[in-house]
C-alpha atoms as a PDB file:
ATOM      1  CA  UNK A   1      71.229  42.979 -40.478  1.00  0.00           C
ATOM      2  CA  UNK A   2      70.191  45.663 -38.004  1.00  0.00           C
ATOM      3  CA  UNK A   3      72.402  48.671 -37.442  1.00  0.00           C
ATOM      4  CA  UNK A   4      73.767  49.503 -33.997  1.00  0.00           C
ATOM      5  CA  UNK A   5      71.104  52.211 -33.608  1.00  0.00           C
ATOM      6  CA  UNK A   6      68.257  49.871 -34.605  1.00  0.00           C
ATOM      7  CA  UNK A   7      69.480  47.136 -32.283  1.00  0.00           C
ATOM      8  CA  UNK A   8      69.912  49.593 -29.399  1.00  0.00           C
ATOM      9  CA  UNK A   9      66.372  50.871 -29.923  1.00  0.00           C
ATOM     10  CA  UNK A  10      64.930  47.335 -29.983  1.00  0.00           C
ATOM     11  CA  UNK A  11      66.761  46.400 -26.795  1.00  0.00           C
ATOM     12  CA  UNK A  12      65.675  49.681 -25.152  1.00  0.00           C
ATOM     13  CA  UNK A  13      62.002  48.964 -25.927  1.00  0.00           C
ATOM     14  CA  UNK A  14      62.334  45.368 -24.682  1.00  0.00           C
ATOM     15  CA  UNK A  15      64.125  46.436 -21.485  1.00  0.00           C
ATOM     16  CA  UNK A  16      61.458  49.058 -20.779  1.00  0.00           C
ATOM     17  CA  UNK A  17      58.714  46.466 -21.270  1.00  0.00           C
ATOM     18  CA  UNK A  18      60.602  43.931 -19.130  1.00  0.00           C
ATOM     19  CA  UNK A  19      61.174  46.428 -16.303  1.00  0.00           C
ATOM     20  CA  UNK A  20      57.503  47.394 -16.276  1.00  0.00           C
ATOM     21  CA  UNK A  21      56.223  43.806 -16.403  1.00  0.00           C
ATOM     22  CA  UNK A  22      56.558  42.888 -12.732  1.00  0.00           C
ATOM     23  CA  UNK A  23      58.736  43.849  -9.773  1.00  0.00           C
ATOM     24  CA  UNK A  24      62.055  42.018  -9.925  1.00  0.00           C
ATOM     25  CA  UNK A  25      61.587  40.978 -13.536  1.00  0.00           C
ATOM     26  CA  UNK A  26      64.578  43.002 -14.805  1.00  0.00           C
ATOM     27  CA  UNK A  27      68.072  41.620 -15.247  1.00  0.00           C
ATOM     28  CA  UNK A  28      69.274  42.683 -11.800  1.00  0.00           C
ATOM     29  CA  UNK A  29      72.787  43.269 -13.216  1.00  0.00           C
ATOM     30  CA  UNK A  30      74.261  45.556 -15.823  1.00  0.00           C
ATOM     31  CA  UNK A  31      75.420  44.132 -19.141  1.00  0.00           C
ATOM     32  CA  UNK A  32      77.648  45.633 -21.797  1.00  0.00           C
ATOM     33  CA  UNK A  33      77.613  44.230 -25.323  1.00  0.00           C
ATOM     34  CA  UNK A  34      81.040  45.056 -26.744  1.00  0.00           C
ATOM     35  CA  UNK A  35      80.530  44.759 -30.494  1.00  0.00           C
ATOM     36  CA  UNK A  36      84.230  44.525 -31.374  1.00  0.00           C
ATOM     37  CA  UNK A  37      84.827  48.027 -32.682  1.00  0.00           C
ATOM     38  CA  UNK A  38      81.293  48.446 -34.032  1.00  0.00           C
ATOM     39  CA  UNK A  39      80.090  50.116 -30.821  1.00  0.00           C
ATOM     40  CA  UNK A  40      78.699  49.103 -27.450  1.00  0.00           C
ATOM     41  CA  UNK A  41      75.261  48.626 -25.951  1.00  0.00           C
ATOM     42  CA  UNK A  42      75.051  49.119 -22.194  1.00  0.00           C
ATOM     43  CA  UNK A  43      71.978  47.688 -20.437  1.00  0.00           C
ATOM     44  CA  UNK A  44      71.225  48.599 -16.831  1.00  0.00           C
ATOM     45  CA  UNK A  45      67.591  47.944 -15.977  1.00  0.00           C
ATOM     46  CA  UNK A  46      65.454  49.948 -18.383  1.00  0.00           C
ATOM     47  CA  UNK A  47      68.394  52.245 -19.215  1.00  0.00           C
ATOM     48  CA  UNK A  48      69.939  51.232 -22.540  1.00  0.00           C
ATOM     49  CA  UNK A  49      72.648  53.426 -24.054  1.00  0.00           C
ATOM     50  CA  UNK A  50      75.631  53.271 -26.379  1.00  0.00           C
ATOM     51  CA  UNK A  51      77.884  54.640 -23.636  1.00  0.00           C
ATOM     52  CA  UNK A  52      80.988  52.582 -22.900  1.00  0.00           C
ATOM     53  CA  UNK A  53      80.334  52.228 -19.169  1.00  0.00           C
ATOM     54  CA  UNK A  54      81.507  49.561 -16.702  1.00  0.00           C
ATOM     55  CA  UNK A  55      79.140  46.596 -16.336  1.00  0.00           C
ATOM     56  CA  UNK A  56      78.730  43.490 -14.206  1.00  0.00           C
ATOM     57  CA  UNK A  57      78.906  41.320 -17.333  1.00  0.00           C
ATOM     58  CA  UNK A  58      80.706  42.157 -20.572  1.00  0.00           C
ATOM     59  CA  UNK A  59      79.739  40.143 -23.637  1.00  0.00           C
ATOM     60  CA  UNK A  60      82.187  40.601 -26.509  1.00  0.00           C
ATOM     61  CA  UNK A  61      80.741  39.611 -29.872  1.00  0.00           C
ATOM     62  CA  UNK A  62      80.716  41.030 -33.415  1.00  0.00           C
ATOM     63  CA  UNK A  63      77.416  42.565 -34.526  1.00  0.00           C
ATOM     64  CA  UNK A  64      76.996  39.972 -37.303  1.00  0.00           C
ATOM     65  CA  UNK A  65      77.601  37.130 -34.809  1.00  0.00           C
ATOM     66  CA  UNK A  66      75.105  38.663 -32.376  1.00  0.00           C
ATOM     67  CA  UNK A  67      72.542  38.690 -35.181  1.00  0.00           C
ATOM     68  CA  UNK A  68      73.349  35.053 -36.023  1.00  0.00           C
ATOM     69  CA  UNK A  69      72.973  34.080 -32.347  1.00  0.00           C
ATOM     70  CA  UNK A  70      69.603  35.838 -32.202  1.00  0.00           C
ATOM     71  CA  UNK A  71      68.371  33.998 -35.289  1.00  0.00           C
ATOM     72  CA  UNK A  72      69.592  30.639 -33.988  1.00  0.00           C
ATOM     73  CA  UNK A  73      72.093  30.371 -36.851  1.00  0.00           C
ATOM     74  CA  UNK A  74      75.093  30.335 -34.481  1.00  0.00           C
ATOM     75  CA  UNK A  75      75.305  28.033 -31.478  1.00  0.00           C
ATOM     76  CA  UNK A  76      76.429  29.951 -28.335  1.00  0.00           C
ATOM     77  CA  UNK A  77      78.693  27.122 -27.168  1.00  0.00           C
ATOM     78  CA  UNK A  78      80.393  26.890 -30.554  1.00  0.00           C
ATOM     79  CA  UNK A  79      80.741  30.682 -30.641  1.00  0.00           C
ATOM     80  CA  UNK A  80      82.510  30.619 -27.270  1.00  0.00           C
ATOM     81  CA  UNK A  81      84.755  27.697 -28.215  1.00  0.00           C
ATOM     82  CA  UNK A  82      85.842  29.446 -31.420  1.00  0.00           C
ATOM     83  CA  UNK A  83      86.379  32.844 -29.752  1.00  0.00           C
ATOM     84  CA  UNK A  84      83.510  34.540 -31.556  1.00  0.00           C
ATOM     85  CA  UNK A  85      81.803  35.136 -28.187  1.00  0.00           C
ATOM     86  CA  UNK A  86      83.568  36.028 -24.934  1.00  0.00           C
ATOM     87  CA  UNK A  87      82.072  36.516 -21.478  1.00  0.00           C
ATOM     88  CA  UNK A  88      83.731  38.417 -18.642  1.00  0.00           C
ATOM     89  CA  UNK A  89      81.983  36.303 -15.969  1.00  0.00           C
ATOM     90  CA  UNK A  90      80.728  32.863 -16.963  1.00  0.00           C
ATOM     91  CA  UNK A  91      78.942  32.218 -13.643  1.00  0.00           C
ATOM     92  CA  UNK A  92      77.016  35.497 -13.855  1.00  0.00           C
ATOM     93  CA  UNK A  93      76.188  34.838 -17.503  1.00  0.00           C
ATOM     94  CA  UNK A  94      74.768  31.432 -16.588  1.00  0.00           C
ATOM     95  CA  UNK A  95      72.625  32.952 -13.798  1.00  0.00           C
ATOM     96  CA  UNK A  96      71.340  35.701 -16.091  1.00  0.00           C
ATOM     97  CA  UNK A  97      70.855  33.476 -19.146  1.00  0.00           C
ATOM     98  CA  UNK A  98      67.058  32.998 -18.792  1.00  0.00           C
ATOM     99  CA  UNK A  99      66.508  36.734 -18.243  1.00  0.00           C
ATOM    100  CA  UNK A 100      68.863  37.670 -21.093  1.00  0.00           C
ATOM    101  CA  UNK A 101      67.105  35.219 -23.384  1.00  0.00           C
ATOM    102  CA  UNK A 102      63.714  36.689 -22.439  1.00  0.00           C
ATOM    103  CA  UNK A 103      64.960  40.233 -23.058  1.00  0.00           C
ATOM    104  CA  UNK A 104      66.462  39.401 -26.442  1.00  0.00           C
ATOM    105  CA  UNK A 105      63.410  37.429 -27.558  1.00  0.00           C
ATOM    106  CA  UNK A 106      61.368  40.613 -26.985  1.00  0.00           C
ATOM    107  CA  UNK A 107      63.980  42.652 -28.892  1.00  0.00           C
ATOM    108  CA  UNK A 108      63.772  40.436 -31.974  1.00  0.00           C
END
């Protein structure tokens, strides 16, 4: 399993590539991954930090569950139903889902 630093670096590289791909291809909203006491990853365009800043969407998930989601070993719906994944704004998460999925596929 990747450490917080490794995961942050992967997401940073993917966000930079995504932002440079085409105008308007970025997320368009800020996202904070709250890793349940294991740290945070804040994504705002190509800026990716471990600063605990406000965000448009907060995704609360343990680092091990985030890794399982990325590998397809954990179903997102099941994770939400069992409380392993929480979203601060479901509607925003649904709108951003294709862009988030693209970003995280590049971070893998």
